[in-house]
Amino acid sequence: MVIPMVACTQPVRVWTPSGVEKELVPKKVWMLAPRGRKGVKIGLFQDPETGKHFRAKVPDDYPECG
């Protein structure tokens, strides 16, 4: 049984590659953890100025989505 991923809706304050801090909604969020460790949540964002995609850490309480 495949559980569909919900869409990301909550904005997160992140630093863009152009050096500006903005509130953006991630396109996808997933857990990145080495075996047996706690790990961190990573979000995929798109810079509104340049259109380039980048990854940034999101808070641990943010739901996995995409």
N, C-alpha and C. Protein backbone atom coordinates (compact mmCIF):
# COMPACT_ATOMS: atom_id res chain seq x y z
N MET A 1 0.84 -1.18 0.00
CA MET A 1 0.00 0.00 0.00
C MET A 1 0.89 1.24 0.00
N VAL A 2 0.64 2.16 -0.90
CA VAL A 2 1.43 3.38 -1.01
C VAL A 2 0.67 4.52 -0.36
N ILE A 3 1.34 5.22 0.56
CA ILE A 3 0.74 6.37 1.23
C ILE A 3 1.16 7.63 0.46
N PRO A 4 0.18 8.40 -0.06
CA PRO A 4 0.56 9.59 -0.82
C PRO A 4 1.15 10.67 0.09
N MET A 5 2.13 11.40 -0.45
CA MET A 5 2.75 12.49 0.29
C MET A 5 1.84 13.71 0.20
N VAL A 6 1.69 14.41 1.32
CA VAL A 6 0.90 15.64 1.31
C VAL A 6 1.75 16.79 0.81
N ALA A 7 1.10 17.81 0.31
CA ALA A 7 1.82 18.98 -0.20
C ALA A 7 2.32 19.83 0.96
N CYS A 8 3.47 20.46 0.76
CA CYS A 8 4.05 21.35 1.76
C CYS A 8 3.31 22.69 1.70
N THR A 9 2.89 23.20 2.86
CA THR A 9 2.13 24.45 2.87
C THR A 9 2.70 25.49 3.81
N GLN A 10 3.48 25.08 4.81
CA GLN A 10 3.99 26.03 5.80
C GLN A 10 5.28 26.67 5.32
N PRO A 11 5.38 28.01 5.36
CA PRO A 11 6.64 28.65 4.97
C PRO A 11 7.72 28.49 6.05
N VAL A 12 8.97 28.45 5.60
CA VAL A 12 10.13 28.31 6.48
C VAL A 12 11.09 29.45 6.17
N ARG A 13 11.70 30.04 7.20
CA ARG A 13 12.67 31.11 6.99
C ARG A 13 14.03 30.48 6.70
N VAL A 14 14.55 30.73 5.47
CA VAL A 14 15.81 30.16 5.03
C VAL A 14 16.66 31.23 4.35
N TRP A 15 17.96 30.95 4.25
CA TRP A 15 18.88 31.81 3.49
C TRP A 15 18.95 31.28 2.07
N THR A 16 18.73 32.15 1.09
CA THR A 16 18.80 31.75 -0.31
C THR A 16 20.25 31.79 -0.78
N PRO A 17 20.58 31.13 -1.90
CA PRO A 17 21.96 31.18 -2.40
C PRO A 17 22.42 32.59 -2.76
N SER A 18 21.49 33.50 -3.02
CA SER A 18 21.87 34.88 -3.33
C SER A 18 22.17 35.69 -2.07
N GLY A 19 22.06 35.07 -0.88
CA GLY A 19 22.44 35.71 0.37
C GLY A 19 21.34 36.49 1.06
N VAL A 20 20.08 36.22 0.73
CA VAL A 20 18.95 36.93 1.31
C VAL A 20 18.14 35.95 2.16
N GLU A 21 17.70 36.39 3.33
CA GLU A 21 16.86 35.55 4.18
C GLU A 21 15.41 35.78 3.80
N LYS A 22 14.70 34.69 3.44
CA LYS A 22 13.31 34.79 3.00
C LYS A 22 12.49 33.67 3.61
N GLU A 23 11.16 33.87 3.61
CA GLU A 23 10.24 32.82 4.01
C GLU A 23 9.74 32.15 2.74
N LEU A 24 10.11 30.88 2.56
CA LEU A 24 9.72 30.13 1.38
C LEU A 24 9.05 28.83 1.78
N VAL A 25 8.18 28.32 0.92
CA VAL A 25 7.53 27.02 1.13
C VAL A 25 8.35 25.99 0.37
N PRO A 26 8.80 24.92 1.05
CA PRO A 26 9.60 23.91 0.34
C PRO A 26 8.76 23.10 -0.65
N LYS A 27 9.42 22.60 -1.69
CA LYS A 27 8.75 21.73 -2.66
C LYS A 27 8.68 20.31 -2.13
N LYS A 28 9.70 19.92 -1.34
CA LYS A 28 9.76 18.58 -0.78
C LYS A 28 10.57 18.62 0.51
N VAL A 29 10.20 17.80 1.49
CA VAL A 29 10.93 17.68 2.76
C VAL A 29 11.13 16.20 3.04
N TRP A 30 12.36 15.82 3.40
CA TRP A 30 12.65 14.43 3.73
C TRP A 30 13.65 14.38 4.87
N MET A 31 13.74 13.21 5.49
CA MET A 31 14.66 12.97 6.60
C MET A 31 15.97 12.43 6.04
N LEU A 32 17.08 13.02 6.47
CA LEU A 32 18.40 12.58 6.06
C LEU A 32 19.13 12.14 7.32
N ALA A 33 19.32 10.82 7.46
CA ALA A 33 19.90 10.30 8.70
C ALA A 33 20.84 9.13 8.41
N PRO A 34 22.04 9.17 8.99
CA PRO A 34 22.89 7.98 8.89
C PRO A 34 22.31 6.86 9.74
N ARG A 35 22.73 5.67 9.47
CA ARG A 35 22.19 4.50 10.16
C ARG A 35 22.40 4.61 11.67
N GLY A 36 21.31 4.49 12.42
CA GLY A 36 21.39 4.50 13.87
C GLY A 36 21.52 5.87 14.50
N ARG A 37 21.38 6.95 13.74
CA ARG A 37 21.50 8.30 14.28
C ARG A 37 20.18 9.04 14.14
N LYS A 38 20.09 10.20 14.79
CA LYS A 38 18.85 10.99 14.76
C LYS A 38 18.61 11.62 13.39
N GLY A 39 19.58 12.29 12.83
CA GLY A 39 19.44 12.88 11.50
C GLY A 39 18.80 14.26 11.52
N VAL A 40 18.63 14.83 10.35
CA VAL A 40 18.04 16.16 10.18
C VAL A 40 17.01 16.11 9.05
N LYS A 41 16.14 17.10 9.02
CA LYS A 41 15.18 17.21 7.93
C LYS A 41 15.70 18.24 6.94
N ILE A 42 15.64 17.87 5.67
CA ILE A 42 16.14 18.71 4.58
C ILE A 42 14.96 19.08 3.68
N GLY A 43 14.94 20.34 3.26
CA GLY A 43 13.89 20.80 2.36
C GLY A 43 14.47 21.24 1.03
N LEU A 44 13.73 21.02 -0.04
CA LEU A 44 14.11 21.47 -1.38
C LEU A 44 13.33 22.75 -1.67
N PHE A 45 14.06 23.83 -1.92
CA PHE A 45 13.46 25.14 -2.16
C PHE A 45 13.86 25.65 -3.53
N GLN A 46 13.13 26.67 -4.02
CA GLN A 46 13.49 27.33 -5.27
C GLN A 46 13.66 28.81 -4.98
N ASP A 47 14.82 29.36 -5.37
CA ASP A 47 15.11 30.78 -5.17
C ASP A 47 14.20 31.59 -6.10
N PRO A 48 13.35 32.49 -5.56
CA PRO A 48 12.45 33.24 -6.43
C PRO A 48 13.17 34.23 -7.35
N GLU A 49 14.36 34.67 -6.98
CA GLU A 49 15.09 35.64 -7.80
C GLU A 49 15.77 34.98 -9.01
N THR A 50 16.44 33.85 -8.78
CA THR A 50 17.22 33.21 -9.84
C THR A 50 16.52 31.99 -10.45
N GLY A 51 15.58 31.39 -9.73
CA GLY A 51 14.90 30.19 -10.21
C GLY A 51 15.66 28.91 -9.93
N LYS A 52 16.85 29.01 -9.30
CA LYS A 52 17.65 27.82 -8.99
C LYS A 52 17.09 27.12 -7.76
N HIS A 53 17.20 25.79 -7.77
CA HIS A 53 16.79 24.99 -6.62
C HIS A 53 17.97 24.85 -5.66
N PHE A 54 17.65 24.80 -4.35
CA PHE A 54 18.67 24.59 -3.34
C PHE A 54 18.06 23.83 -2.18
N ARG A 55 18.94 23.24 -1.37
CA ARG A 55 18.50 22.49 -0.18
C ARG A 55 18.87 23.27 1.07
N ALA A 56 18.04 23.15 2.10
CA ALA A 56 18.32 23.79 3.38
C ALA A 56 17.69 22.97 4.49
N LYS A 57 18.23 23.11 5.68
CA LYS A 57 17.70 22.40 6.85
C LYS A 57 16.39 23.05 7.27
N VAL A 58 15.41 22.22 7.61
CA VAL A 58 14.14 22.71 8.12
C VAL A 58 13.97 22.22 9.56
N PRO A 59 13.10 22.84 10.36
CA PRO A 59 12.92 22.41 11.75
C PRO A 59 12.48 20.94 11.85
N ASP A 60 12.85 20.30 12.96
CA ASP A 60 12.54 18.89 13.15
C ASP A 60 11.05 18.61 13.23
N ASP A 61 10.25 19.61 13.65
CA ASP A 61 8.81 19.39 13.78
C ASP A 61 8.05 19.63 12.48
N TYR A 62 8.76 19.99 11.40
CA TYR A 62 8.12 20.19 10.10
C TYR A 62 7.75 18.82 9.52
N PRO A 63 6.53 18.64 9.00
CA PRO A 63 6.14 17.31 8.48
C PRO A 63 6.84 16.99 7.16
N GLU A 64 7.11 15.71 6.95
CA GLU A 64 7.69 15.28 5.66
C GLU A 64 6.61 15.39 4.61
N CYS A 65 6.93 16.01 3.49
CA CYS A 65 5.94 16.25 2.46
C CYS A 65 6.60 16.29 1.10
N GLY A 66 5.79 16.42 0.07
CA GLY A 66 6.36 16.52 -1.27
C GLY A 66 5.49 15.93 -2.24
